Amino acid sequence: MLNGAYEVKNDLLSATDGRGMLARITHQFPDYAPKVWAFFYQYCIDMSRSRWLLPATAVATVIVLLRDWRRARSSTALILAVITCATVCGYGLVFIGTNAASLDWHLNTAFDRILLHILPVATLALAMMIWPRDAASNFSLPSTTP
């Protein structure tokens, strides 16, 4: 409604090139997907940007699943890890279907913000996998009374 009131168009959803978002994703996938995933990979392994939280979450998820599949599949941590993975893939598809004049410009100007959306959930999932609730409930602080 805001876009309509101010006659603003969303460049991701509008068909400025004659294609909608899904058609652009399909058309641009062979060219854009390798660039987008390479950019994501470089960002995720750059310690100064992501603190390796996404790769650590992925590794922890695999370890937890291999260790105890039955317990892990109902785990809140696993649900958060799946949400993180789905979010990364979803954002990847948005970048692949971008209508921006330059994919590199779009990635460079938006990806820091994208990490701000993804990393909190990934960090929570990682923390829950590293220190499960049953271990946390057995933890107690040392007594300070003499």
N, C-alpha and C. Protein backbone atom coordinates (compact mmCIF):
# COMPACT_ATOMS: atom_id res chain seq x y z
N MET A 1 0.83 -1.19 0.00
CA MET A 1 0.00 0.00 0.00
C MET A 1 0.87 1.25 0.00
N LEU A 2 1.96 1.19 0.77
CA LEU A 2 2.88 2.33 0.80
C LEU A 2 3.49 2.55 -0.57
N ASN A 3 3.95 1.46 -1.20
CA ASN A 3 4.53 1.58 -2.54
C ASN A 3 3.52 2.17 -3.52
N GLY A 4 2.28 1.71 -3.44
CA GLY A 4 1.24 2.22 -4.33
C GLY A 4 0.94 3.68 -4.07
N ALA A 5 0.90 4.08 -2.81
CA ALA A 5 0.59 5.47 -2.45
C ALA A 5 1.66 6.42 -2.95
N TYR A 6 2.91 5.98 -2.91
CA TYR A 6 4.01 6.85 -3.33
C TYR A 6 4.55 6.51 -4.71
N GLU A 7 3.85 5.62 -5.40
CA GLU A 7 4.22 5.18 -6.74
C GLU A 7 5.67 4.68 -6.80
N VAL A 8 6.03 3.90 -5.79
CA VAL A 8 7.35 3.29 -5.71
C VAL A 8 7.19 1.83 -6.12
N LYS A 9 8.16 1.31 -6.85
CA LYS A 9 8.09 -0.09 -7.28
C LYS A 9 9.22 -0.88 -6.63
N ASN A 10 8.92 -2.10 -6.29
CA ASN A 10 9.91 -3.01 -5.76
C ASN A 10 10.61 -3.66 -6.94
N ASP A 11 11.91 -3.41 -7.09
CA ASP A 11 12.62 -3.92 -8.26
C ASP A 11 12.76 -5.43 -8.26
N LEU A 12 12.57 -6.09 -7.11
CA LEU A 12 12.63 -7.55 -7.09
C LEU A 12 11.33 -8.18 -7.58
N LEU A 13 10.22 -7.55 -7.30
CA LEU A 13 8.93 -8.13 -7.65
C LEU A 13 8.37 -7.61 -8.97
N SER A 14 8.82 -6.44 -9.39
CA SER A 14 8.29 -5.90 -10.63
C SER A 14 8.97 -6.54 -11.83
N ALA A 15 8.25 -6.62 -12.92
CA ALA A 15 8.77 -7.26 -14.13
C ALA A 15 9.34 -6.20 -15.05
N THR A 16 10.41 -5.52 -14.61
CA THR A 16 10.96 -4.44 -15.42
C THR A 16 11.64 -4.95 -16.68
N ASP A 17 12.06 -6.19 -16.70
CA ASP A 17 12.70 -6.75 -17.89
C ASP A 17 11.75 -7.70 -18.63
N GLY A 18 10.48 -7.64 -18.29
CA GLY A 18 9.50 -8.52 -18.92
C GLY A 18 9.34 -9.85 -18.22
N ARG A 19 10.12 -10.07 -17.14
CA ARG A 19 10.04 -11.31 -16.39
C ARG A 19 9.72 -11.00 -14.93
N GLY A 20 9.00 -11.91 -14.30
CA GLY A 20 8.78 -11.81 -12.86
C GLY A 20 9.95 -12.42 -12.11
N MET A 21 9.85 -12.42 -10.80
CA MET A 21 10.94 -12.92 -9.95
C MET A 21 11.29 -14.39 -10.25
N LEU A 22 10.30 -15.27 -10.30
CA LEU A 22 10.59 -16.69 -10.54
C LEU A 22 11.17 -16.93 -11.92
N ALA A 23 10.69 -16.20 -12.91
CA ALA A 23 11.24 -16.35 -14.27
C ALA A 23 12.68 -15.85 -14.32
N ARG A 24 12.97 -14.77 -13.58
CA ARG A 24 14.36 -14.26 -13.54
C ARG A 24 15.28 -15.26 -12.85
N ILE A 25 14.79 -15.86 -11.75
CA ILE A 25 15.61 -16.87 -11.05
C ILE A 25 15.94 -18.01 -12.01
N THR A 26 14.95 -18.50 -12.70
CA THR A 26 15.15 -19.60 -13.64
C THR A 26 16.10 -19.20 -14.77
N HIS A 27 15.90 -18.00 -15.31
CA HIS A 27 16.70 -17.54 -16.45
C HIS A 27 18.15 -17.23 -16.02
N GLN A 28 18.33 -16.60 -14.87
CA GLN A 28 19.65 -16.14 -14.44
C GLN A 28 20.42 -17.17 -13.62
N PHE A 29 19.77 -18.26 -13.24
CA PHE A 29 20.40 -19.23 -12.35
C PHE A 29 21.76 -19.73 -12.86
N PRO A 30 21.88 -20.14 -14.12
CA PRO A 30 23.18 -20.65 -14.56
C PRO A 30 24.32 -19.62 -14.45
N ASP A 31 24.01 -18.35 -14.68
CA ASP A 31 25.05 -17.31 -14.63
C ASP A 31 25.28 -16.77 -13.22
N TYR A 32 24.19 -16.55 -12.49
CA TYR A 32 24.29 -15.87 -11.20
C TYR A 32 24.56 -16.81 -10.02
N ALA A 33 24.04 -18.03 -10.06
CA ALA A 33 24.18 -18.93 -8.90
C ALA A 33 25.63 -19.15 -8.49
N PRO A 34 26.54 -19.47 -9.42
CA PRO A 34 27.94 -19.67 -8.98
C PRO A 34 28.54 -18.41 -8.36
N LYS A 35 28.21 -17.24 -8.89
CA LYS A 35 28.74 -15.98 -8.33
C LYS A 35 28.18 -15.72 -6.94
N VAL A 36 26.87 -15.93 -6.78
CA VAL A 36 26.22 -15.68 -5.49
C VAL A 36 26.76 -16.63 -4.43
N TRP A 37 26.82 -17.93 -4.74
CA TRP A 37 27.28 -18.89 -3.74
C TRP A 37 28.76 -18.71 -3.42
N ALA A 38 29.58 -18.31 -4.42
CA ALA A 38 30.99 -18.02 -4.15
C ALA A 38 31.12 -16.82 -3.22
N PHE A 39 30.29 -15.80 -3.45
CA PHE A 39 30.30 -14.62 -2.58
C PHE A 39 29.87 -15.00 -1.17
N PHE A 40 28.78 -15.78 -1.04
CA PHE A 40 28.32 -16.24 0.27
C PHE A 40 29.44 -17.01 0.97
N TYR A 41 30.08 -17.91 0.26
CA TYR A 41 31.15 -18.73 0.84
C TYR A 41 32.28 -17.85 1.36
N GLN A 42 32.72 -16.89 0.54
CA GLN A 42 33.82 -16.01 0.95
C GLN A 42 33.45 -15.21 2.20
N TYR A 43 32.22 -14.75 2.25
CA TYR A 43 31.76 -14.00 3.42
C TYR A 43 31.70 -14.89 4.66
N CYS A 44 31.24 -16.11 4.49
CA CYS A 44 31.07 -17.01 5.63
C CYS A 44 32.39 -17.47 6.22
N ILE A 45 33.44 -17.54 5.40
CA ILE A 45 34.73 -17.96 5.95
C ILE A 45 35.61 -16.78 6.32
N ASP A 46 35.13 -15.55 6.09
CA ASP A 46 35.87 -14.35 6.47
C ASP A 46 35.63 -14.11 7.97
N MET A 47 36.65 -14.36 8.75
CA MET A 47 36.52 -14.27 10.21
C MET A 47 36.05 -12.89 10.66
N SER A 48 36.45 -11.84 9.98
CA SER A 48 36.09 -10.49 10.41
C SER A 48 34.61 -10.18 10.16
N ARG A 49 33.96 -10.92 9.28
CA ARG A 49 32.56 -10.64 8.97
C ARG A 49 31.60 -11.58 9.68
N SER A 50 31.86 -12.86 9.63
CA SER A 50 30.88 -13.82 10.14
C SER A 50 31.34 -14.55 11.38
N ARG A 51 32.58 -14.36 11.79
CA ARG A 51 33.14 -15.07 12.94
C ARG A 51 33.01 -16.58 12.80
N TRP A 52 32.89 -17.06 11.58
CA TRP A 52 32.78 -18.48 11.26
C TRP A 52 31.54 -19.12 11.88
N LEU A 53 30.54 -18.31 12.22
CA LEU A 53 29.35 -18.85 12.88
C LEU A 53 28.52 -19.75 11.97
N LEU A 54 28.38 -19.38 10.70
CA LEU A 54 27.59 -20.24 9.80
C LEU A 54 28.28 -21.57 9.54
N PRO A 55 29.57 -21.59 9.22
CA PRO A 55 30.21 -22.90 9.05
C PRO A 55 30.20 -23.72 10.34
N ALA A 56 30.40 -23.08 11.49
CA ALA A 56 30.39 -23.80 12.76
C ALA A 56 29.01 -24.39 13.04
N THR A 57 27.97 -23.65 12.70
CA THR A 57 26.61 -24.15 12.89
C THR A 57 26.35 -25.35 11.98
N ALA A 58 26.81 -25.26 10.75
CA ALA A 58 26.63 -26.38 9.80
C ALA A 58 27.35 -27.63 10.30
N VAL A 59 28.59 -27.48 10.74
CA VAL A 59 29.37 -28.62 11.23
C VAL A 59 28.72 -29.20 12.49
N ALA A 60 28.30 -28.34 13.41
CA ALA A 60 27.66 -28.83 14.64
C ALA A 60 26.37 -29.56 14.32
N THR A 61 25.63 -29.08 13.34
CA THR A 61 24.38 -29.75 12.95
C THR A 61 24.65 -31.15 12.45
N VAL A 62 25.65 -31.28 11.60
CA VAL A 62 26.00 -32.60 11.07
C VAL A 62 26.43 -33.53 12.20
N ILE A 63 27.25 -33.03 13.10
CA ILE A 63 27.73 -33.86 14.22
C ILE A 63 26.57 -34.29 15.11
N VAL A 64 25.68 -33.37 15.43
CA VAL A 64 24.53 -33.70 16.28
C VAL A 64 23.63 -34.72 15.59
N LEU A 65 23.40 -34.55 14.30
CA LEU A 65 22.56 -35.50 13.57
C LEU A 65 23.19 -36.88 13.51
N LEU A 66 24.48 -36.95 13.28
CA LEU A 66 25.16 -38.24 13.22
C LEU A 66 25.22 -38.92 14.59
N ARG A 67 25.35 -38.12 15.62
CA ARG A 67 25.50 -38.68 16.97
C ARG A 67 24.20 -39.29 17.49
N ASP A 68 23.10 -38.58 17.30
CA ASP A 68 21.84 -39.08 17.86
C ASP A 68 20.67 -38.55 17.03
N TRP A 69 20.38 -39.21 15.92
CA TRP A 69 19.36 -38.77 14.97
C TRP A 69 17.98 -38.66 15.64
N ARG A 70 17.61 -39.65 16.45
CA ARG A 70 16.26 -39.65 17.03
C ARG A 70 16.03 -38.47 17.96
N ARG A 71 16.98 -38.19 18.81
CA ARG A 71 16.84 -37.07 19.73
C ARG A 71 16.96 -35.74 18.99
N ALA A 72 17.85 -35.69 18.01
CA ALA A 72 18.12 -34.43 17.31
C ALA A 72 16.96 -33.97 16.44
N ARG A 73 16.23 -34.89 15.84
CA ARG A 73 15.20 -34.48 14.89
C ARG A 73 14.05 -33.72 15.55
N SER A 74 13.88 -33.86 16.87
CA SER A 74 12.85 -33.09 17.57
C SER A 74 13.45 -31.93 18.35
N SER A 75 14.70 -31.65 18.12
CA SER A 75 15.42 -30.63 18.86
C SER A 75 15.11 -29.23 18.33
N THR A 76 14.93 -28.30 19.24
CA THR A 76 14.75 -26.89 18.86
C THR A 76 15.98 -26.38 18.14
N ALA A 77 17.14 -26.82 18.56
CA ALA A 77 18.38 -26.39 17.92
C ALA A 77 18.41 -26.79 16.45
N LEU A 78 17.96 -28.00 16.17
CA LEU A 78 17.93 -28.46 14.78
C LEU A 78 16.93 -27.65 13.96
N ILE A 79 15.80 -27.34 14.55
CA ILE A 79 14.81 -26.50 13.86
C ILE A 79 15.42 -25.14 13.52
N LEU A 80 16.15 -24.56 14.46
CA LEU A 80 16.81 -23.27 14.20
C LEU A 80 17.89 -23.40 13.12
N ALA A 81 18.61 -24.51 13.12
CA ALA A 81 19.63 -24.74 12.09
C ALA A 81 18.98 -24.87 10.71
N VAL A 82 17.84 -25.56 10.65
CA VAL A 82 17.11 -25.69 9.38
C VAL A 82 16.59 -24.33 8.93
N ILE A 83 16.09 -23.54 9.86
CA ILE A 83 15.64 -22.18 9.52
C ILE A 83 16.80 -21.36 8.98
N THR A 84 17.97 -21.49 9.60
CA THR A 84 19.16 -20.77 9.13
C THR A 84 19.50 -21.19 7.70
N CYS A 85 19.52 -22.48 7.44
CA CYS A 85 19.83 -23.00 6.10
C CYS A 85 18.80 -22.51 5.08
N ALA A 86 17.53 -22.58 5.44
CA ALA A 86 16.47 -22.13 4.52
C ALA A 86 16.58 -20.64 4.25
N THR A 87 16.94 -19.87 5.26
CA THR A 87 17.10 -18.43 5.09
C THR A 87 18.27 -18.12 4.16
N VAL A 88 19.39 -18.80 4.34
CA VAL A 88 20.54 -18.61 3.45
C VAL A 88 20.16 -18.95 2.01
N CYS A 89 19.47 -20.07 1.83
CA CYS A 89 19.05 -20.47 0.47
C CYS A 89 18.05 -19.47 -0.10
N GLY A 90 17.13 -19.00 0.71
CA GLY A 90 16.14 -18.02 0.26
C GLY A 90 16.79 -16.72 -0.17
N TYR A 91 17.71 -16.22 0.64
CA TYR A 91 18.43 -15.00 0.26
C TYR A 91 19.26 -15.23 -1.00
N GLY A 92 19.83 -16.42 -1.11
CA GLY A 92 20.59 -16.74 -2.32
C GLY A 92 19.70 -16.64 -3.55
N LEU A 93 18.49 -17.17 -3.46
CA LEU A 93 17.57 -17.09 -4.60
C LEU A 93 17.15 -15.65 -4.90
N VAL A 94 17.01 -14.85 -3.87
CA VAL A 94 16.69 -13.43 -4.09
C VAL A 94 17.81 -12.76 -4.87
N PHE A 95 19.05 -13.03 -4.49
CA PHE A 95 20.18 -12.44 -5.21
C PHE A 95 20.27 -12.98 -6.63
N ILE A 96 19.98 -14.26 -6.81
CA ILE A 96 20.01 -14.84 -8.16
C ILE A 96 18.93 -14.20 -9.03
N GLY A 97 17.79 -13.89 -8.45
CA GLY A 97 16.70 -13.28 -9.20
C GLY A 97 16.70 -11.77 -9.20
N THR A 98 17.81 -11.18 -8.77
CA THR A 98 17.86 -9.72 -8.67
C THR A 98 17.65 -9.05 -10.02
N ASN A 99 17.08 -7.89 -9.94
CA ASN A 99 16.84 -7.07 -11.11
C ASN A 99 17.82 -5.90 -11.12
N ALA A 100 18.76 -5.91 -10.19
CA ALA A 100 19.73 -4.82 -10.08
C ALA A 100 20.63 -4.78 -11.31
N ALA A 101 21.12 -3.58 -11.60
CA ALA A 101 21.99 -3.41 -12.76
C ALA A 101 23.28 -4.21 -12.62
N SER A 102 23.76 -4.36 -11.40
CA SER A 102 25.01 -5.08 -11.18
C SER A 102 24.86 -6.04 -10.01
N LEU A 103 25.05 -7.32 -10.27
CA LEU A 103 24.97 -8.32 -9.21
C LEU A 103 26.05 -8.06 -8.16
N ASP A 104 27.25 -7.72 -8.58
CA ASP A 104 28.33 -7.46 -7.63
C ASP A 104 27.99 -6.30 -6.71
N TRP A 105 27.44 -5.23 -7.28
CA TRP A 105 27.03 -4.07 -6.48
C TRP A 105 25.97 -4.49 -5.46
N HIS A 106 24.99 -5.27 -5.92
CA HIS A 106 23.90 -5.70 -5.04
C HIS A 106 24.44 -6.55 -3.89
N LEU A 107 25.33 -7.49 -4.19
CA LEU A 107 25.91 -8.33 -3.14
C LEU A 107 26.73 -7.50 -2.15
N ASN A 108 27.57 -6.62 -2.68
CA ASN A 108 28.44 -5.82 -1.81
C ASN A 108 27.69 -4.84 -0.93
N THR A 109 26.55 -4.35 -1.40
CA THR A 109 25.82 -3.37 -0.61
C THR A 109 24.81 -4.01 0.34
N ALA A 110 24.43 -5.25 0.10
CA ALA A 110 23.37 -5.85 0.91
C ALA A 110 23.81 -6.97 1.83
N PHE A 111 24.95 -7.58 1.59
CA PHE A 111 25.23 -8.81 2.30
C PHE A 111 25.58 -8.61 3.77
N ASP A 112 26.16 -7.51 4.14
CA ASP A 112 26.40 -7.27 5.57
C ASP A 112 25.07 -7.24 6.33
N ARG A 113 24.07 -6.61 5.74
CA ARG A 113 22.74 -6.56 6.35
C ARG A 113 22.11 -7.95 6.41
N ILE A 114 22.33 -8.74 5.37
CA ILE A 114 21.80 -10.10 5.34
C ILE A 114 22.40 -10.92 6.48
N LEU A 115 23.69 -10.76 6.72
CA LEU A 115 24.32 -11.48 7.84
C LEU A 115 23.70 -11.08 9.17
N LEU A 116 23.31 -9.82 9.30
CA LEU A 116 22.65 -9.37 10.53
C LEU A 116 21.31 -10.07 10.74
N HIS A 117 20.68 -10.53 9.67
CA HIS A 117 19.43 -11.27 9.77
C HIS A 117 19.70 -12.73 10.11
N ILE A 118 20.77 -13.30 9.58
CA ILE A 118 21.01 -14.74 9.67
C ILE A 118 21.79 -15.13 10.94
N LEU A 119 22.80 -14.37 11.28
CA LEU A 119 23.72 -14.79 12.35
C LEU A 119 23.09 -14.95 13.73
N PRO A 120 22.13 -14.13 14.15
CA PRO A 120 21.56 -14.38 15.49
C PRO A 120 20.90 -15.75 15.62
N VAL A 121 20.16 -16.18 14.62
CA VAL A 121 19.51 -17.49 14.68
C VAL A 121 20.56 -18.60 14.62
N ALA A 122 21.56 -18.43 13.75
CA ALA A 122 22.63 -19.43 13.65
C ALA A 122 23.39 -19.53 14.97
N THR A 123 23.64 -18.41 15.61
CA THR A 123 24.38 -18.39 16.87
C THR A 123 23.58 -19.10 17.96
N LEU A 124 22.28 -18.84 18.02
CA LEU A 124 21.44 -19.51 19.00
C LEU A 124 21.41 -21.02 18.76
N ALA A 125 21.26 -21.42 17.51
CA ALA A 125 21.26 -22.85 17.18
C ALA A 125 22.58 -23.49 17.59
N LEU A 126 23.69 -22.83 17.28
CA LEU A 126 25.01 -23.35 17.63
C LEU A 126 25.16 -23.49 19.14
N ALA A 127 24.76 -22.46 19.88
CA ALA A 127 24.87 -22.50 21.34
C ALA A 127 24.03 -23.63 21.92
N MET A 128 22.83 -23.84 21.36
CA MET A 128 21.96 -24.90 21.86
C MET A 128 22.51 -26.29 21.54
N MET A 129 23.24 -26.40 20.43
CA MET A 129 23.83 -27.70 20.09
C MET A 129 25.08 -27.97 20.92
N ILE A 130 25.85 -26.93 21.20
CA ILE A 130 27.07 -27.10 21.98
C ILE A 130 26.75 -27.41 23.44
N TRP A 131 25.74 -26.71 23.95
CA TRP A 131 25.38 -26.90 25.35
C TRP A 131 23.87 -27.18 25.43
N PRO A 132 23.47 -28.42 25.22
CA PRO A 132 22.05 -28.76 25.24
C PRO A 132 21.40 -28.45 26.58
N ARG A 133 20.10 -28.34 26.57
CA ARG A 133 19.35 -27.97 27.78
C ARG A 133 19.60 -28.94 28.93
N ASP A 134 19.69 -30.24 28.66
CA ASP A 134 19.90 -31.18 29.75
C ASP A 134 21.25 -30.95 30.43
N ALA A 135 22.26 -30.54 29.67
CA ALA A 135 23.55 -30.22 30.28
C ALA A 135 23.46 -28.91 31.04
N ALA A 136 22.71 -27.95 30.51
CA ALA A 136 22.57 -26.65 31.16
C ALA A 136 21.83 -26.77 32.49
N SER A 137 20.86 -27.69 32.56
CA SER A 137 20.09 -27.83 33.80
C SER A 137 20.94 -28.44 34.91
N ASN A 138 22.02 -29.13 34.57
CA ASN A 138 22.90 -29.72 35.57
C ASN A 138 24.00 -28.75 36.01
N PHE A 139 24.04 -27.60 35.39
CA PHE A 139 25.08 -26.62 35.69
C PHE A 139 24.64 -25.73 36.84
N SER A 140 25.52 -25.49 37.78
CA SER A 140 25.20 -24.57 38.85
C SER A 140 26.43 -23.72 39.14
N LEU A 141 26.18 -22.49 39.49
CA LEU A 141 27.28 -21.58 39.81
C LEU A 141 27.83 -21.94 41.18
N PRO A 142 29.12 -21.72 41.35
CA PRO A 142 29.72 -22.00 42.66
C PRO A 142 29.11 -21.09 43.74
N SER A 143 29.02 -21.62 44.91
CA SER A 143 28.47 -20.86 46.01
C SER A 143 29.44 -19.77 46.44
N THR A 144 28.93 -18.59 46.74
CA THR A 144 29.78 -17.48 47.18
C THR A 144 29.74 -17.31 48.68
N THR A 145 28.94 -18.12 49.36
CA THR A 145 28.87 -18.00 50.82
C THR A 145 30.06 -18.71 51.45
N PRO A 146 30.63 -18.12 52.50
CA PRO A 146 31.81 -18.73 53.12
C PRO A 146 31.51 -19.99 53.90
